[in-house]
Protein backbone atom coordinates (compact mmCIF):
# COMPACT_ATOMS: atom_id res chain seq x y z
CA MET A 1 -17.79 38.06 27.67
CA ASN A 2 -19.74 34.97 26.65
CA PRO A 3 -17.95 32.86 23.99
CA ASN A 4 -21.26 31.38 22.91
CA SER A 5 -23.00 34.70 22.36
CA GLY A 6 -21.48 35.39 18.94
CA GLN A 7 -21.19 39.08 19.90
CA ASP A 8 -18.14 41.22 20.54
CA GLY A 9 -17.26 41.71 24.19
CA GLU A 10 -17.98 44.81 26.21
CA HIS A 11 -14.68 46.51 25.35
CA GLY A 12 -14.59 45.68 21.64
CA GLU A 13 -12.38 42.59 21.96
CA ASP A 14 -13.23 39.67 19.74
CA VAL A 15 -15.16 36.65 21.00
CA LEU A 16 -12.96 33.63 21.73
CA LEU A 17 -14.03 30.26 20.36
CA THR A 18 -13.08 26.71 21.24
CA ALA A 19 -11.77 24.39 18.53
CA GLU A 20 -15.20 22.78 18.29
CA GLN A 21 -16.98 26.13 17.89
CA ALA A 22 -14.47 27.43 15.34
CA ALA A 23 -14.52 24.18 13.38
CA ASP A 24 -18.32 24.25 13.30
CA ILE A 25 -18.23 27.69 11.68
CA LEU A 26 -15.74 26.42 9.08
CA GLY A 27 -17.70 23.22 8.48
CA ILE A 28 -14.84 20.91 9.46
CA GLY A 29 -13.96 18.78 12.46
CA ALA A 30 -12.08 20.13 15.46
CA SER A 31 -9.12 17.79 14.90
CA THR A 32 -8.98 18.91 11.26
CA LEU A 33 -8.87 22.54 12.37
CA ARG A 34 -6.01 21.76 14.74
CA ALA A 35 -4.12 19.93 11.98
CA TYR A 36 -4.66 22.77 9.49
CA ALA A 37 -3.51 25.30 12.10
CA ALA A 38 -0.36 23.28 12.79
CA ARG A 39 0.43 23.25 9.05
CA GLY A 40 -0.33 26.95 8.64
CA GLU A 41 -3.42 26.35 6.50
CA ALA A 42 -5.79 27.89 9.07
CA PRO A 43 -5.45 30.53 11.77
CA SER A 44 -3.27 29.30 14.61
CA GLY A 45 -5.36 30.85 17.36
CA ARG A 46 -3.98 31.75 20.77
CA LYS A 47 -2.95 29.67 23.74
CA ILE A 48 -4.80 30.56 26.91
CA GLY A 49 -3.39 28.36 29.62
CA ARG A 50 -3.34 24.87 28.15
CA LYS A 51 -6.20 25.53 25.74
CA ARG A 52 -6.13 27.04 22.28
CA ARG A 53 -8.77 29.60 21.34
CA TRP A 54 -9.60 31.30 18.05
CA THR A 55 -11.21 34.70 17.65
CA LEU A 56 -14.52 34.87 15.86
CA ARG A 57 -13.04 37.56 13.61
CA GLU A 58 -10.13 35.39 12.39
CA ILE A 59 -12.35 32.33 11.84
CA GLU A 60 -14.91 34.32 9.86
CA HIS A 61 -12.12 35.91 7.82
CA HIS A 62 -10.66 32.48 7.08
CA ARG A 63 -14.10 31.19 6.12
CA ASP A 64 -14.78 34.16 3.83
CA HIS A 65 -11.24 34.31 2.38
CA PRO A 66 -9.90 30.74 2.24
CA PRO A 67 -6.28 30.31 1.18
CA SER A 68 -5.92 29.63 -2.52
CA ALA A 69 -5.43 26.02 -3.46
CA ASN A 70 -1.77 25.21 -3.75
CA PRO A 71 -1.27 22.79 -6.66
CA ALA A 72 1.96 21.57 -5.09
CA ARG A 73 0.01 20.33 -2.05
CA THR A 74 -2.14 17.57 -3.40
CA GLY A 75 -2.82 14.16 -1.95
CA ARG A 76 -2.03 13.15 1.59
CA PRO A 77 -0.22 15.52 3.94
CA PRO A 78 3.46 14.78 4.60
CA GLY A 79 3.90 11.90 7.00
CA ALA A 80 0.44 10.43 6.43
CA ARG A 81 0.38 6.69 6.09
CA ASP A 82 -1.35 4.88 3.29
CA THR A 83 -3.57 2.31 4.97
CA ARG A 84 -5.01 0.79 1.79
CA ARG A 85 -4.34 -2.88 1.29
CA ARG A 86 -2.07 -3.56 -1.64
CA ARG A 87 -2.94 -6.05 -4.32
CA PRO A 88 -0.22 -8.51 -5.22
CA THR A 89 1.52 -7.84 -8.49
CA ALA A 90 0.94 -10.10 -11.47
CA ARG A 91 4.01 -12.11 -10.45
CA GLY A 92 2.69 -12.53 -6.90
CA SER A 93 4.12 -11.28 -3.67
CA LEU A 94 7.78 -11.68 -2.82
CA ALA A 95 6.87 -13.99 0.06
CA ALA A 96 4.80 -16.18 -2.27
CA ARG A 97 7.65 -16.42 -4.78
CA ARG A 98 10.15 -17.32 -2.06
CA ALA A 99 7.77 -19.90 -0.56
CA ALA A 100 7.26 -21.44 -4.02
CA GLU A 101 11.02 -21.64 -4.51
CA LEU A 102 11.41 -23.31 -1.12
CA ALA A 103 8.54 -25.70 -1.88
CA GLY A 104 10.38 -26.74 -5.04
CA ARG A 105 13.54 -27.41 -3.07
CA LEU A 106 11.58 -29.43 -0.51
CA ALA A 107 9.89 -31.41 -3.30
CA ASP A 108 13.35 -32.25 -4.70
CA GLY A 109 14.20 -33.78 -1.33
CA ASP A 110 16.48 -30.99 -0.12
CA THR A 111 16.61 -30.27 3.57
CA VAL A 112 15.93 -26.60 4.20
CA THR A 113 16.53 -25.06 7.61
CA THR A 114 15.44 -21.77 9.11
CA GLU A 115 19.09 -20.71 9.33
CA GLN A 116 19.59 -21.33 5.59
CA ILE A 117 16.52 -19.24 4.77
CA MET A 118 17.75 -16.45 7.06
CA SER A 119 21.15 -16.29 5.39
CA THR A 120 19.83 -16.75 1.83
CA TYR A 121 17.10 -14.12 1.97
CA GLY A 122 18.38 -11.88 4.77
CA VAL A 123 15.20 -12.19 6.82
CA THR A 124 14.51 -12.54 10.52
CA GLU A 125 14.09 -15.91 12.17
CA ARG A 126 10.32 -15.42 12.47
CA THR A 127 9.99 -14.56 8.77
CA ALA A 128 12.11 -17.60 7.88
CA GLN A 129 9.82 -19.79 9.98
CA ARG A 130 6.77 -18.37 8.23
CA LEU A 131 8.30 -18.93 4.78
CA LEU A 132 9.19 -22.52 5.66
CA LYS A 133 5.69 -23.18 7.00
CA ARG A 134 4.14 -21.71 3.84
CA ALA A 135 6.45 -23.77 1.62
CA ARG A 136 5.60 -26.99 3.47
CA SER A 137 1.85 -26.35 3.27
CA SER A 138 1.94 -25.58 -0.46
CA GLY A 139 4.16 -28.48 -1.43
């Protein structure tokens, strides 16, 4: 049986396809096919050794009869991270507001230490150092 032939095997069994071959038939990427299969949105295929293979029959059936769109499943899949950069709100970022407050205290002649910032804002030492540096550079 030749998986690239596109024909049924000698004994009527279905042709086995790699993820790349199956994805090409569906018009998607191989990693997308694997993700859809893991979520149950595409045929799961069969494990042969350490490799997963799909039958030509199940891929063609999925292509010709796609699952109906589920209105409850819109947007990113569960667990996906939003990598877009966020714009600061109209009031500015929390760090900017805290740095401005610290800059005001420094301008009034107060001595502000990293330890005070850590206890006041509940931040790590590194964050406190960054806030103090930002306050000193803006004031």
